[in-house]
Amino acid sequence: MPQDAALTDRMRRALAGHAGITEKRMMGGTIFLLNGHMLSGARQEKTGTRRFMFRIGKAQEAEALRNPAVRTLMQGARKMGGYILVAHDDCPDPALQDWLDRALQHVASLPPKT
C-alpha cells in the first residue's frame, strides 16, 4: 500500500479517541489496527488514485460493493475478502466516519489476537 501522508493523517484524526488503535508500517504504507487486528489504511495507487481501505468483514462486503465508490481490495490477483477500498474523492468526513464505524464494529467482534 503506497504511502499517502495526507490520507494517513486524515485517517489518524478520524480514529483519534478510539481505544486500542495502533499503527504499523506495512505494504509500503501505514495500516491502523484495533487490538492487533487490521482495521483500515490509506493508499495511493500507481495510477495516482487515492483510496481508503476498510476491513468491514465478508458479511457486509456485498452490500458495500453496491456503492459505486467502493472497490474490492486486491493483492496482486488475490481478492482480499472483507476488505474494501473507497475513493478519497467519494469519502467526505461523514462517509469516512460511517466506513470506520462499520470497520470498528467488525474488527471489535474478532477473537483476541494471541
PDB file of N, CA and C in Angstrom:
ATOM      1  N   MET A   1       0.851  -1.164   0.000  1.00  0.00           N
ATOM      2  CA  MET A   1       0.000   0.000   0.000  1.00  0.00           C
ATOM      3  C   MET A   1       0.897   1.227   0.000  1.00  0.00           C
ATOM      4  N   PRO A   2       1.065   1.900  -1.130  1.00  0.00           N
ATOM      5  CA  PRO A   2       1.945   3.067  -1.165  1.00  0.00           C
ATOM      6  C   PRO A   2       1.497   4.148  -0.186  1.00  0.00           C
ATOM      7  N   GLN A   3       2.464   4.808   0.418  1.00  0.00           N
ATOM      8  CA  GLN A   3       2.225   5.813   1.444  1.00  0.00           C
ATOM      9  C   GLN A   3       1.569   7.060   0.860  1.00  0.00           C
ATOM     10  N   ASP A   4       0.591   7.597   1.562  1.00  0.00           N
ATOM     11  CA  ASP A   4      -0.022   8.884   1.244  1.00  0.00           C
ATOM     12  C   ASP A   4      -0.182   9.606   2.579  1.00  0.00           C
ATOM     13  N   ALA A   5       0.736  10.512   2.883  1.00  0.00           N
ATOM     14  CA  ALA A   5       0.779  11.153   4.195  1.00  0.00           C
ATOM     15  C   ALA A   5      -0.507  11.909   4.529  1.00  0.00           C
ATOM     16  N   ALA A   6      -1.089  12.593   3.557  1.00  0.00           N
ATOM     17  CA  ALA A   6      -2.306  13.380   3.825  1.00  0.00           C
ATOM     18  C   ALA A   6      -3.483  12.461   4.163  1.00  0.00           C
ATOM     19  N   LEU A   7      -3.638  11.371   3.419  1.00  0.00           N
ATOM     20  CA  LEU A   7      -4.718  10.424   3.716  1.00  0.00           C
ATOM     21  C   LEU A   7      -4.487   9.738   5.053  1.00  0.00           C
ATOM     22  N   THR A   8      -3.229   9.392   5.317  1.00  0.00           N
ATOM     23  CA  THR A   8      -2.902   8.753   6.596  1.00  0.00           C
ATOM     24  C   THR A   8      -3.243   9.683   7.752  1.00  0.00           C
ATOM     25  N   ASP A   9      -2.905  10.957   7.637  1.00  0.00           N
ATOM     26  CA  ASP A   9      -3.234  11.920   8.687  1.00  0.00           C
ATOM     27  C   ASP A   9      -4.739  12.075   8.855  1.00  0.00           C
ATOM     28  N   ARG A  10      -5.457  12.050   7.757  1.00  0.00           N
ATOM     29  CA  ARG A  10      -6.921  12.161   7.837  1.00  0.00           C
ATOM     30  C   ARG A  10      -7.512  10.957   8.567  1.00  0.00           C
ATOM     31  N   MET A  11      -7.005   9.766   8.274  1.00  0.00           N
ATOM     32  CA  MET A  11      -7.469   8.564   8.957  1.00  0.00           C
ATOM     33  C   MET A  11      -7.094   8.622  10.436  1.00  0.00           C
ATOM     34  N   ARG A  12      -5.891   9.058  10.719  1.00  0.00           N
ATOM     35  CA  ARG A  12      -5.421   9.171  12.108  1.00  0.00           C
ATOM     36  C   ARG A  12      -6.346  10.106  12.906  1.00  0.00           C
ATOM     37  N   ARG A  13      -6.702  11.237  12.316  1.00  0.00           N
ATOM     38  CA  ARG A  13      -7.607  12.184  13.005  1.00  0.00           C
ATOM     39  C   ARG A  13      -8.991  11.570  13.216  1.00  0.00           C
ATOM     40  N   ALA A  14      -9.487  10.832  12.226  1.00  0.00           N
ATOM     41  CA  ALA A  14     -10.817  10.214  12.350  1.00  0.00           C
ATOM     42  C   ALA A  14     -10.842   9.140  13.431  1.00  0.00           C
ATOM     43  N   LEU A  15      -9.690   8.515  13.686  1.00  0.00           N
ATOM     44  CA  LEU A  15      -9.616   7.456  14.705  1.00  0.00           C
ATOM     45  C   LEU A  15      -9.197   7.975  16.076  1.00  0.00           C
ATOM     46  N   ALA A  16      -8.874   9.257  16.168  1.00  0.00           N
ATOM     47  CA  ALA A  16      -8.439   9.822  17.451  1.00  0.00           C
ATOM     48  C   ALA A  16      -9.515   9.588  18.501  1.00  0.00           C
ATOM     49  N   GLY A  17      -9.089   9.173  19.669  1.00  0.00           N
ATOM     50  CA  GLY A  17     -10.026   8.946  20.766  1.00  0.00           C
ATOM     51  C   GLY A  17     -10.541   7.521  20.871  1.00  0.00           C
ATOM     52  N   HIS A  18     -10.302   6.697  19.859  1.00  0.00           N
ATOM     53  CA  HIS A  18     -10.710   5.288  19.939  1.00  0.00           C
ATOM     54  C   HIS A  18      -9.619   4.500  20.654  1.00  0.00           C
ATOM     55  N   ALA A  19      -9.989   3.771  21.685  1.00  0.00           N
ATOM     56  CA  ALA A  19      -9.026   2.971  22.450  1.00  0.00           C
ATOM     57  C   ALA A  19      -8.580   1.760  21.630  1.00  0.00           C
ATOM     58  N   GLY A  20      -7.344   1.341  21.844  1.00  0.00           N
ATOM     59  CA  GLY A  20      -6.833   0.127  21.227  1.00  0.00           C
ATOM     60  C   GLY A  20      -6.306   0.290  19.816  1.00  0.00           C
ATOM     61  N   ILE A  21      -6.221   1.528  19.321  1.00  0.00           N
ATOM     62  CA  ILE A  21      -5.743   1.780  17.955  1.00  0.00           C
ATOM     63  C   ILE A  21      -4.224   1.914  17.965  1.00  0.00           C
ATOM     64  N   THR A  22      -3.583   1.178  17.071  1.00  0.00           N
ATOM     65  CA  THR A  22      -2.150   1.298  16.858  1.00  0.00           C
ATOM     66  C   THR A  22      -1.903   1.429  15.359  1.00  0.00           C
ATOM     67  N   GLU A  23      -0.702   1.837  15.018  1.00  0.00           N
ATOM     68  CA  GLU A  23      -0.307   1.988  13.615  1.00  0.00           C
ATOM     69  C   GLU A  23       0.875   1.085  13.340  1.00  0.00           C
ATOM     70  N   LYS A  24       0.925   0.598  12.113  1.00  0.00           N
ATOM     71  CA  LYS A  24       2.038  -0.246  11.708  1.00  0.00           C
ATOM     72  C   LYS A  24       2.358   0.042  10.248  1.00  0.00           C
ATOM     73  N   ARG A  25       3.638   0.185   9.960  1.00  0.00           N
ATOM     74  CA  ARG A  25       4.055   0.358   8.563  1.00  0.00           C
ATOM     75  C   ARG A  25       4.001  -1.019   7.911  1.00  0.00           C
ATOM     76  N   MET A  26       3.182  -1.126   6.888  1.00  0.00           N
ATOM     77  CA  MET A  26       3.022  -2.385   6.167  1.00  0.00           C
ATOM     78  C   MET A  26       2.732  -2.067   4.714  1.00  0.00           C
ATOM     79  N   MET A  27       3.132  -2.936   3.839  1.00  0.00           N
ATOM     80  CA  MET A  27       2.792  -2.845   2.420  1.00  0.00           C
ATOM     81  C   MET A  27       3.090  -1.455   1.856  1.00  0.00           C
ATOM     82  N   GLY A  28       4.148  -0.822   2.352  1.00  0.00           N
ATOM     83  CA  GLY A  28       4.548   0.478   1.839  1.00  0.00           C
ATOM     84  C   GLY A  28       3.755   1.641   2.378  1.00  0.00           C
ATOM     85  N   GLY A  29       2.889   1.409   3.352  1.00  0.00           N
ATOM     86  CA  GLY A  29       2.074   2.481   3.898  1.00  0.00           C
ATOM     87  C   GLY A  29       1.856   2.299   5.380  1.00  0.00           C
ATOM     88  N   THR A  30       0.873   2.982   5.913  1.00  0.00           N
ATOM     89  CA  THR A  30       0.520   2.870   7.321  1.00  0.00           C
ATOM     90  C   THR A  30      -0.838   2.200   7.428  1.00  0.00           C
ATOM     91  N   ILE A  31      -0.873   1.157   8.227  1.00  0.00           N
ATOM     92  CA  ILE A  31      -2.110   0.427   8.491  1.00  0.00           C
ATOM     93  C   ILE A  31      -2.507   0.729   9.928  1.00  0.00           C
ATOM     94  N   PHE A  32      -3.786   0.878  10.165  1.00  0.00           N
ATOM     95  CA  PHE A  32      -4.301   1.099  11.503  1.00  0.00           C
ATOM     96  C   PHE A  32      -4.905  -0.214  11.991  1.00  0.00           C
ATOM     97  N   LEU A  33      -4.584  -0.546  13.238  1.00  0.00           N
ATOM     98  CA  LEU A  33      -5.044  -1.792  13.836  1.00  0.00           C
ATOM     99  C   LEU A  33      -5.870  -1.495  15.071  1.00  0.00           C
ATOM    100  N   LEU A  34      -6.829  -2.359  15.334  1.00  0.00           N
ATOM    101  CA  LEU A  34      -7.614  -2.301  16.562  1.00  0.00           C
ATOM    102  C   LEU A  34      -7.313  -3.569  17.335  1.00  0.00           C
ATOM    103  N   ASN A  35      -6.713  -3.421  18.497  1.00  0.00           N
ATOM    104  CA  ASN A  35      -6.335  -4.572  19.329  1.00  0.00           C
ATOM    105  C   ASN A  35      -5.547  -5.613  18.540  1.00  0.00           C
ATOM    106  N   GLY A  36      -4.678  -5.133  17.646  1.00  0.00           N
ATOM    107  CA  GLY A  36      -3.817  -6.015  16.881  1.00  0.00           C
ATOM    108  C   GLY A  36      -4.393  -6.532  15.579  1.00  0.00           C
ATOM    109  N   HIS A  37      -5.658  -6.261  15.298  1.00  0.00           N
ATOM    110  CA  HIS A  37      -6.310  -6.689  14.057  1.00  0.00           C
ATOM    111  C   HIS A  37      -6.323  -5.537  13.058  1.00  0.00           C
ATOM    112  N   MET A  38      -6.009  -5.830  11.796  1.00  0.00           N
ATOM    113  CA  MET A  38      -6.036  -4.813  10.753  1.00  0.00           C
ATOM    114  C   MET A  38      -7.436  -4.212  10.662  1.00  0.00           C
ATOM    115  N   LEU A  39      -7.501  -2.883  10.636  1.00  0.00           N
ATOM    116  CA  LEU A  39      -8.761  -2.153  10.636  1.00  0.00           C
ATOM    117  C   LEU A  39      -8.929  -1.305   9.378  1.00  0.00           C
ATOM    118  N   SER A  40      -7.934  -0.486   9.073  1.00  0.00           N
ATOM    119  CA  SER A  40      -8.065   0.480   7.982  1.00  0.00           C
ATOM    120  C   SER A  40      -6.690   0.949   7.537  1.00  0.00           C
ATOM    121  N   GLY A  41      -6.691   1.728   6.471  1.00  0.00           N
ATOM    122  CA  GLY A  41      -5.457   2.299   5.971  1.00  0.00           C
ATOM    123  C   GLY A  41      -5.769   3.289   4.862  1.00  0.00           C
ATOM    124  N   ALA A  42      -4.734   3.802   4.259  1.00  0.00           N
ATOM    125  CA  ALA A  42      -4.875   4.739   3.149  1.00  0.00           C
ATOM    126  C   ALA A  42      -3.833   4.387   2.105  1.00  0.00           C
ATOM    127  N   ARG A  43      -4.187   4.568   0.842  1.00  0.00           N
ATOM    128  CA  ARG A  43      -3.233   4.213  -0.214  1.00  0.00           C
ATOM    129  C   ARG A  43      -3.359   5.144  -1.402  1.00  0.00           C
ATOM    130  N   GLN A  44      -2.249   5.280  -2.069  1.00  0.00           N
ATOM    131  CA  GLN A  44      -2.242   5.954  -3.360  1.00  0.00           C
ATOM    132  C   GLN A  44      -1.771   4.909  -4.353  1.00  0.00           C
ATOM    133  N   GLU A  45      -2.632   4.576  -5.291  1.00  0.00           N
ATOM    134  CA  GLU A  45      -2.303   3.547  -6.260  1.00  0.00           C
ATOM    135  C   GLU A  45      -1.301   4.060  -7.279  1.00  0.00           C
ATOM    136  N   LYS A  46      -0.711   3.159  -8.025  1.00  0.00           N
ATOM    137  CA  LYS A  46       0.280   3.535  -9.042  1.00  0.00           C
ATOM    138  C   LYS A  46      -0.291   4.531 -10.045  1.00  0.00           C
ATOM    139  N   THR A  47      -1.606   4.471 -10.254  1.00  0.00           N
ATOM    140  CA  THR A  47      -2.266   5.394 -11.183  1.00  0.00           C
ATOM    141  C   THR A  47      -2.441   6.782 -10.589  1.00  0.00           C
ATOM    142  N   GLY A  48      -2.169   6.917  -9.279  1.00  0.00           N
ATOM    143  CA  GLY A  48      -2.356   8.188  -8.593  1.00  0.00           C
ATOM    144  C   GLY A  48      -3.685   8.276  -7.858  1.00  0.00           C
ATOM    145  N   THR A  49      -4.579   7.310  -8.077  1.00  0.00           N
ATOM    146  CA  THR A  49      -5.867   7.294  -7.390  1.00  0.00           C
ATOM    147  C   THR A  49      -5.642   7.111  -5.896  1.00  0.00           C
ATOM    148  N   ARG A  50      -6.301   7.945  -5.118  1.00  0.00           N
ATOM    149  CA  ARG A  50      -6.174   7.903  -3.658  1.00  0.00           C
ATOM    150  C   ARG A  50      -7.409   7.233  -3.073  1.00  0.00           C
ATOM    151  N   ARG A  51      -7.175   6.204  -2.245  1.00  0.00           N
ATOM    152  CA  ARG A  51      -8.281   5.444  -1.668  1.00  0.00           C
ATOM    153  C   ARG A  51      -8.007   5.122  -0.198  1.00  0.00           C
ATOM    154  N   PHE A  52      -9.107   4.987   0.540  1.00  0.00           N
ATOM    155  CA  PHE A  52      -9.056   4.469   1.898  1.00  0.00           C
ATOM    156  C   PHE A  52      -9.351   2.976   1.848  1.00  0.00           C
ATOM    157  N   MET A  53      -8.772   2.218   2.778  1.00  0.00           N
ATOM    158  CA  MET A  53      -9.052   0.800   2.920  1.00  0.00           C
ATOM    159  C   MET A  53      -9.766   0.596   4.255  1.00  0.00           C
ATOM    160  N   PHE A  54     -10.799  -0.259   4.222  1.00  0.00           N
ATOM    161  CA  PHE A  54     -11.545  -0.592   5.436  1.00  0.00           C
ATOM    162  C   PHE A  54     -11.756  -2.095   5.494  1.00  0.00           C
ATOM    163  N   ARG A  55     -11.642  -2.654   6.689  1.00  0.00           N
ATOM    164  CA  ARG A  55     -11.941  -4.072   6.910  1.00  0.00           C
ATOM    165  C   ARG A  55     -13.336  -4.152   7.515  1.00  0.00           C
ATOM    166  N   ILE A  56     -14.320  -4.409   6.663  1.00  0.00           N
ATOM    167  CA  ILE A  56     -15.707  -4.415   7.119  1.00  0.00           C
ATOM    168  C   ILE A  56     -16.246  -5.827   7.314  1.00  0.00           C
ATOM    169  N   GLY A  57     -15.502  -6.833   6.871  1.00  0.00           N
ATOM    170  CA  GLY A  57     -15.936  -8.218   7.019  1.00  0.00           C
ATOM    171  C   GLY A  57     -16.698  -8.708   5.801  1.00  0.00           C
ATOM    172  N   LYS A  58     -16.620 -10.004   5.585  1.00  0.00           N
ATOM    173  CA  LYS A  58     -17.246 -10.618   4.407  1.00  0.00           C
ATOM    174  C   LYS A  58     -18.767 -10.479   4.417  1.00  0.00           C
ATOM    175  N   ALA A  59     -19.379 -10.459   5.592  1.00  0.00           N
ATOM    176  CA  ALA A  59     -20.837 -10.373   5.669  1.00  0.00           C
ATOM    177  C   ALA A  59     -21.357  -9.031   5.141  1.00  0.00           C
ATOM    178  N   GLN A  60     -20.586  -7.978   5.217  1.00  0.00           N
ATOM    179  CA  GLN A  60     -21.004  -6.647   4.758  1.00  0.00           C
ATOM    180  C   GLN A  60     -20.486  -6.300   3.370  1.00  0.00           C
ATOM    181  N   GLU A  61     -19.631  -7.150   2.832  1.00  0.00           N
ATOM    182  CA  GLU A  61     -18.936  -6.818   1.589  1.00  0.00           C
ATOM    183  C   GLU A  61     -19.879  -6.639   0.401  1.00  0.00           C
ATOM    184  N   ALA A  62     -20.804  -7.558   0.189  1.00  0.00           N
ATOM    185  CA  ALA A  62     -21.703  -7.478  -0.973  1.00  0.00           C
ATOM    186  C   ALA A  62     -22.521  -6.189  -0.945  1.00  0.00           C
ATOM    187  N   GLU A  63     -23.042  -5.836   0.216  1.00  0.00           N
ATOM    188  CA  GLU A  63     -23.818  -4.595   0.337  1.00  0.00           C
ATOM    189  C   GLU A  63     -22.937  -3.384   0.038  1.00  0.00           C
ATOM    190  N   ALA A  64     -21.732  -3.380   0.575  1.00  0.00           N
ATOM    191  CA  ALA A  64     -20.820  -2.252   0.352  1.00  0.00           C
ATOM    192  C   ALA A  64     -20.471  -2.103  -1.118  1.00  0.00           C
ATOM    193  N   LEU A  65     -20.296  -3.215  -1.812  1.00  0.00           N
ATOM    194  CA  LEU A  65     -19.894  -3.164  -3.222  1.00  0.00           C
ATOM    195  C   LEU A  65     -21.004  -2.657  -4.147  1.00  0.00           C
ATOM    196  N   ARG A  66     -22.218  -2.516  -3.640  1.00  0.00           N
ATOM    197  CA  ARG A  66     -23.293  -1.911  -4.438  1.00  0.00           C
ATOM    198  C   ARG A  66     -23.082  -0.395  -4.579  1.00  0.00           C
ATOM    199  N   ASN A  67     -22.265   0.159  -3.711  1.00  0.00           N
ATOM    200  CA  ASN A  67     -21.920   1.579  -3.773  1.00  0.00           C
ATOM    201  C   ASN A  67     -20.873   1.751  -4.879  1.00  0.00           C
ATOM    202  N   PRO A  68     -21.118   2.602  -5.881  1.00  0.00           N
ATOM    203  CA  PRO A  68     -20.172   2.738  -6.994  1.00  0.00           C
ATOM    204  C   PRO A  68     -18.792   3.273  -6.593  1.00  0.00           C
ATOM    205  N   ALA A  69     -18.670   3.857  -5.401  1.00  0.00           N
ATOM    206  CA  ALA A  69     -17.378   4.370  -4.943  1.00  0.00           C
ATOM    207  C   ALA A  69     -16.501   3.283  -4.327  1.00  0.00           C
ATOM    208  N   VAL A  70     -17.064   2.100  -4.118  1.00  0.00           N
ATOM    209  CA  VAL A  70     -16.378   1.030  -3.397  1.00  0.00           C
ATOM    210  C   VAL A  70     -15.790   0.014  -4.364  1.00  0.00           C
ATOM    211  N   ARG A  71     -14.588  -0.442  -4.053  1.00  0.00           N
ATOM    212  CA  ARG A  71     -13.895  -1.481  -4.818  1.00  0.00           C
ATOM    213  C   ARG A  71     -13.405  -2.559  -3.858  1.00  0.00           C
ATOM    214  N   THR A  72     -13.214  -3.748  -4.376  1.00  0.00           N
ATOM    215  CA  THR A  72     -12.615  -4.832  -3.604  1.00  0.00           C
ATOM    216  C   THR A  72     -11.119  -4.605  -3.493  1.00  0.00           C
ATOM    217  N   LEU A  73     -10.544  -4.887  -2.346  1.00  0.00           N
ATOM    218  CA  LEU A  73      -9.095  -4.807  -2.185  1.00  0.00           C
ATOM    219  C   LEU A  73      -8.473  -6.040  -2.821  1.00  0.00           C
ATOM    220  N   MET A  74      -7.526  -5.801  -3.705  1.00  0.00           N
ATOM    221  CA  MET A  74      -6.805  -6.888  -4.374  1.00  0.00           C
ATOM    222  C   MET A  74      -5.338  -6.804  -3.969  1.00  0.00           C
ATOM    223  N   GLN A  75      -4.729  -7.936  -3.714  1.00  0.00           N
ATOM    224  CA  GLN A  75      -3.291  -8.046  -3.519  1.00  0.00           C
ATOM    225  C   GLN A  75      -2.779  -8.871  -4.681  1.00  0.00           C
ATOM    226  N   GLY A  76      -2.303  -8.199  -5.702  1.00  0.00           N
ATOM    227  CA  GLY A  76      -1.958  -8.889  -6.945  1.00  0.00           C
ATOM    228  C   GLY A  76      -3.242  -9.406  -7.565  1.00  0.00           C
ATOM    229  N   ALA A  77      -3.319 -10.696  -7.808  1.00  0.00           N
ATOM    230  CA  ALA A  77      -4.516 -11.310  -8.380  1.00  0.00           C
ATOM    231  C   ALA A  77      -5.451 -11.854  -7.301  1.00  0.00           C
ATOM    232  N   ARG A  78      -5.067 -11.717  -6.045  1.00  0.00           N
ATOM    233  CA  ARG A  78      -5.844 -12.286  -4.939  1.00  0.00           C
ATOM    234  C   ARG A  78      -6.825 -11.271  -4.366  1.00  0.00           C
ATOM    235  N   LYS A  79      -8.097 -11.663  -4.319  1.00  0.00           N
ATOM    236  CA  LYS A  79      -9.132 -10.831  -3.702  1.00  0.00           C
ATOM    237  C   LYS A  79      -9.042 -10.980  -2.192  1.00  0.00           C
ATOM    238  N   MET A  80      -9.013  -9.854  -1.502  1.00  0.00           N
ATOM    239  CA  MET A  80      -8.953  -9.855  -0.046  1.00  0.00           C
ATOM    240  C   MET A  80     -10.385  -9.721   0.491  1.00  0.00           C
ATOM    241  N   GLY A  81     -11.007 -10.841   0.754  1.00  0.00           N
ATOM    242  CA  GLY A  81     -12.395 -10.868   1.214  1.00  0.00           C
ATOM    243  C   GLY A  81     -12.594 -10.080   2.493  1.00  0.00           C
ATOM    244  N   GLY A  82     -13.635  -9.270   2.511  1.00  0.00           N
ATOM    245  CA  GLY A  82     -13.968  -8.487   3.688  1.00  0.00           C
ATOM    246  C   GLY A  82     -13.270  -7.142   3.774  1.00  0.00           C
ATOM    247  N   TYR A  83     -12.386  -6.868   2.812  1.00  0.00           N
ATOM    248  CA  TYR A  83     -11.666  -5.599   2.765  1.00  0.00           C
ATOM    249  C   TYR A  83     -12.138  -4.822   1.542  1.00  0.00           C
ATOM    250  N   ILE A  84     -12.363  -3.532   1.714  1.00  0.00           N
ATOM    251  CA  ILE A  84     -12.804  -2.693   0.601  1.00  0.00           C
ATOM    252  C   ILE A  84     -11.940  -1.452   0.487  1.00  0.00           C
ATOM    253  N   LEU A  85     -11.984  -0.854  -0.691  1.00  0.00           N
ATOM    254  CA  LEU A  85     -11.342   0.427  -0.956  1.00  0.00           C
ATOM    255  C   LEU A  85     -12.429   1.433  -1.317  1.00  0.00           C
ATOM    256  N   VAL A  86     -12.303   2.643  -0.797  1.00  0.00           N
ATOM    257  CA  VAL A  86     -13.245   3.717  -1.107  1.00  0.00           C
ATOM    258  C   VAL A  86     -12.426   4.904  -1.600  1.00  0.00           C
ATOM    259  N   ALA A  87     -12.789   5.414  -2.759  1.00  0.00           N
ATOM    260  CA  ALA A  87     -12.072   6.544  -3.338  1.00  0.00           C
ATOM    261  C   ALA A  87     -12.111   7.746  -2.394  1.00  0.00           C
ATOM    262  N   HIS A  88     -10.973   8.383  -2.228  1.00  0.00           N
ATOM    263  CA  HIS A  88     -10.859   9.567  -1.377  1.00  0.00           C
ATOM    264  C   HIS A  88     -11.873  10.634  -1.769  1.00  0.00           C
ATOM    265  N   ASP A  89     -12.031  10.860  -3.068  1.00  0.00           N
ATOM    266  CA  ASP A  89     -12.959  11.892  -3.542  1.00  0.00           C
ATOM    267  C   ASP A  89     -14.405  11.573  -3.201  1.00  0.00           C
ATOM    268  N   ASP A  90     -14.706  10.302  -2.957  1.00  0.00           N
ATOM    269  CA  ASP A  90     -16.062   9.872  -2.615  1.00  0.00           C
ATOM    270  C   ASP A  90     -16.217   9.621  -1.124  1.00  0.00           C
ATOM    271  N   CYS A  91     -15.301  10.156  -0.333  1.00  0.00           N
ATOM    272  CA  CYS A  91     -15.306   9.862   1.099  1.00  0.00           C
ATOM    273  C   CYS A  91     -15.155  11.138   1.928  1.00  0.00           C
ATOM    274  N   PRO A  92     -16.186  12.017   1.876  1.00  0.00           N
ATOM    275  CA  PRO A  92     -16.148  13.180   2.764  1.00  0.00           C
ATOM    276  C   PRO A  92     -16.202  12.695   4.222  1.00  0.00           C
ATOM    277  N   ASP A  93     -15.987  13.595   5.144  1.00  0.00           N
ATOM    278  CA  ASP A  93     -15.884  13.207   6.552  1.00  0.00           C
ATOM    279  C   ASP A  93     -17.032  12.336   7.060  1.00  0.00           C
ATOM    280  N   PRO A  94     -18.312  12.639   6.758  1.00  0.00           N
ATOM    281  CA  PRO A  94     -19.381  11.757   7.249  1.00  0.00           C
ATOM    282  C   PRO A  94     -19.271  10.330   6.689  1.00  0.00           C
ATOM    283  N   ALA A  95     -18.902  10.198   5.424  1.00  0.00           N
ATOM    284  CA  ALA A  95     -18.742   8.864   4.828  1.00  0.00           C
ATOM    285  C   ALA A  95     -17.537   8.156   5.435  1.00  0.00           C
ATOM    286  N   LEU A  96     -16.454   8.880   5.642  1.00  0.00           N
ATOM    287  CA  LEU A  96     -15.276   8.287   6.274  1.00  0.00           C
ATOM    288  C   LEU A  96     -15.646   7.742   7.644  1.00  0.00           C
ATOM    289  N   GLN A  97     -16.385   8.512   8.412  1.00  0.00           N
ATOM    290  CA  GLN A  97     -16.775   8.055   9.750  1.00  0.00           C
ATOM    291  C   GLN A  97     -17.711   6.849   9.677  1.00  0.00           C
ATOM    292  N   ASP A  98     -18.613   6.828   8.696  1.00  0.00           N
ATOM    293  CA  ASP A  98     -19.511   5.683   8.529  1.00  0.00           C
ATOM    294  C   ASP A  98     -18.729   4.406   8.213  1.00  0.00           C
ATOM    295  N   TRP A  99     -17.790   4.490   7.264  1.00  0.00           N
ATOM    296  CA  TRP A  99     -16.985   3.308   6.927  1.00  0.00           C
ATOM    297  C   TRP A  99     -16.132   2.878   8.112  1.00  0.00           C
ATOM    298  N   LEU A 100     -15.585   3.835   8.837  1.00  0.00           N
ATOM    299  CA  LEU A 100     -14.797   3.493  10.021  1.00  0.00           C
ATOM    300  C   LEU A 100     -15.662   2.838  11.092  1.00  0.00           C
ATOM    301  N   ASP A 101     -16.871   3.340  11.285  1.00  0.00           N
ATOM    302  CA  ASP A 101     -17.770   2.731  12.268  1.00  0.00           C
ATOM    303  C   ASP A 101     -18.061   1.277  11.900  1.00  0.00           C
ATOM    304  N   ARG A 102     -18.287   1.007  10.610  1.00  0.00           N
ATOM    305  CA  ARG A 102     -18.525  -0.364  10.166  1.00  0.00           C
ATOM    306  C   ARG A 102     -17.302  -1.238  10.413  1.00  0.00           C
ATOM    307  N   ALA A 103     -16.118  -0.699  10.089  1.00  0.00           N
ATOM    308  CA  ALA A 103     -14.883  -1.456  10.294  1.00  0.00           C
ATOM    309  C   ALA A 103     -14.633  -1.681  11.787  1.00  0.00           C
ATOM    310  N   LEU A 104     -14.829  -0.653  12.592  1.00  0.00           N
ATOM    311  CA  LEU A 104     -14.632  -0.799  14.036  1.00  0.00           C
ATOM    312  C   LEU A 104     -15.566  -1.850  14.620  1.00  0.00           C
ATOM    313  N   GLN A 105     -16.818  -1.854  14.174  1.00  0.00           N
ATOM    314  CA  GLN A 105     -17.768  -2.835  14.686  1.00  0.00           C
ATOM    315  C   GLN A 105     -17.326  -4.252  14.304  1.00  0.00           C
ATOM    316  N   HIS A 106     -16.919  -4.436  13.038  1.00  0.00           N
ATOM    317  CA  HIS A 106     -16.493  -5.762  12.599  1.00  0.00           C
ATOM    318  C   HIS A 106     -15.240  -6.223  13.345  1.00  0.00           C
ATOM    319  N   VAL A 107     -14.210  -5.382  13.354  1.00  0.00           N
ATOM    320  CA  VAL A 107     -12.936  -5.790  13.931  1.00  0.00           C
ATOM    321  C   VAL A 107     -13.067  -6.000  15.448  1.00  0.00           C
ATOM    322  N   ALA A 108     -13.900  -5.222  16.107  1.00  0.00           N
ATOM    323  CA  ALA A 108     -14.110  -5.407  17.550  1.00  0.00           C
ATOM    324  C   ALA A 108     -14.744  -6.767  17.854  1.00  0.00           C
ATOM    325  N   SER A 109     -15.425  -7.358  16.865  1.00  0.00           N
ATOM    326  CA  SER A 109     -16.072  -8.661  17.089  1.00  0.00           C
ATOM    327  C   SER A 109     -15.124  -9.850  16.895  1.00  0.00           C
ATOM    328  N   LEU A 110     -13.907  -9.585  16.426  1.00  0.00           N
ATOM    329  CA  LEU A 110     -12.961 -10.667  16.153  1.00  0.00           C
ATOM    330  C   LEU A 110     -12.363 -11.189  17.467  1.00  0.00           C
ATOM    331  N   PRO A 111     -12.009 -12.476  17.493  1.00  0.00           N
ATOM    332  CA  PRO A 111     -11.398 -13.023  18.720  1.00  0.00           C
ATOM    333  C   PRO A 111     -10.060 -12.347  19.001  1.00  0.00           C
ATOM    334  N   PRO A 112      -9.661 -12.328  20.264  1.00  0.00           N
ATOM    335  CA  PRO A 112      -8.386 -11.683  20.604  1.00  0.00           C
ATOM    336  C   PRO A 112      -7.211 -12.322  19.858  1.00  0.00           C
ATOM    337  N   LYS A 113      -6.243 -11.487  19.515  1.00  0.00           N
ATOM    338  CA  LYS A 113      -5.016 -11.981  18.882  1.00  0.00           C
ATOM    339  C   LYS A 113      -4.185 -12.683  19.961  1.00  0.00           C
ATOM    340  N   THR A 114      -3.571 -13.781  19.555  1.00  0.00           N
ATOM    341  CA  THR A 114      -2.709 -14.487  20.525  1.00  0.00           C
ATOM    342  C   THR A 114      -1.261 -14.412  20.097  1.00  0.00           C
TER     343      THR A 114
END
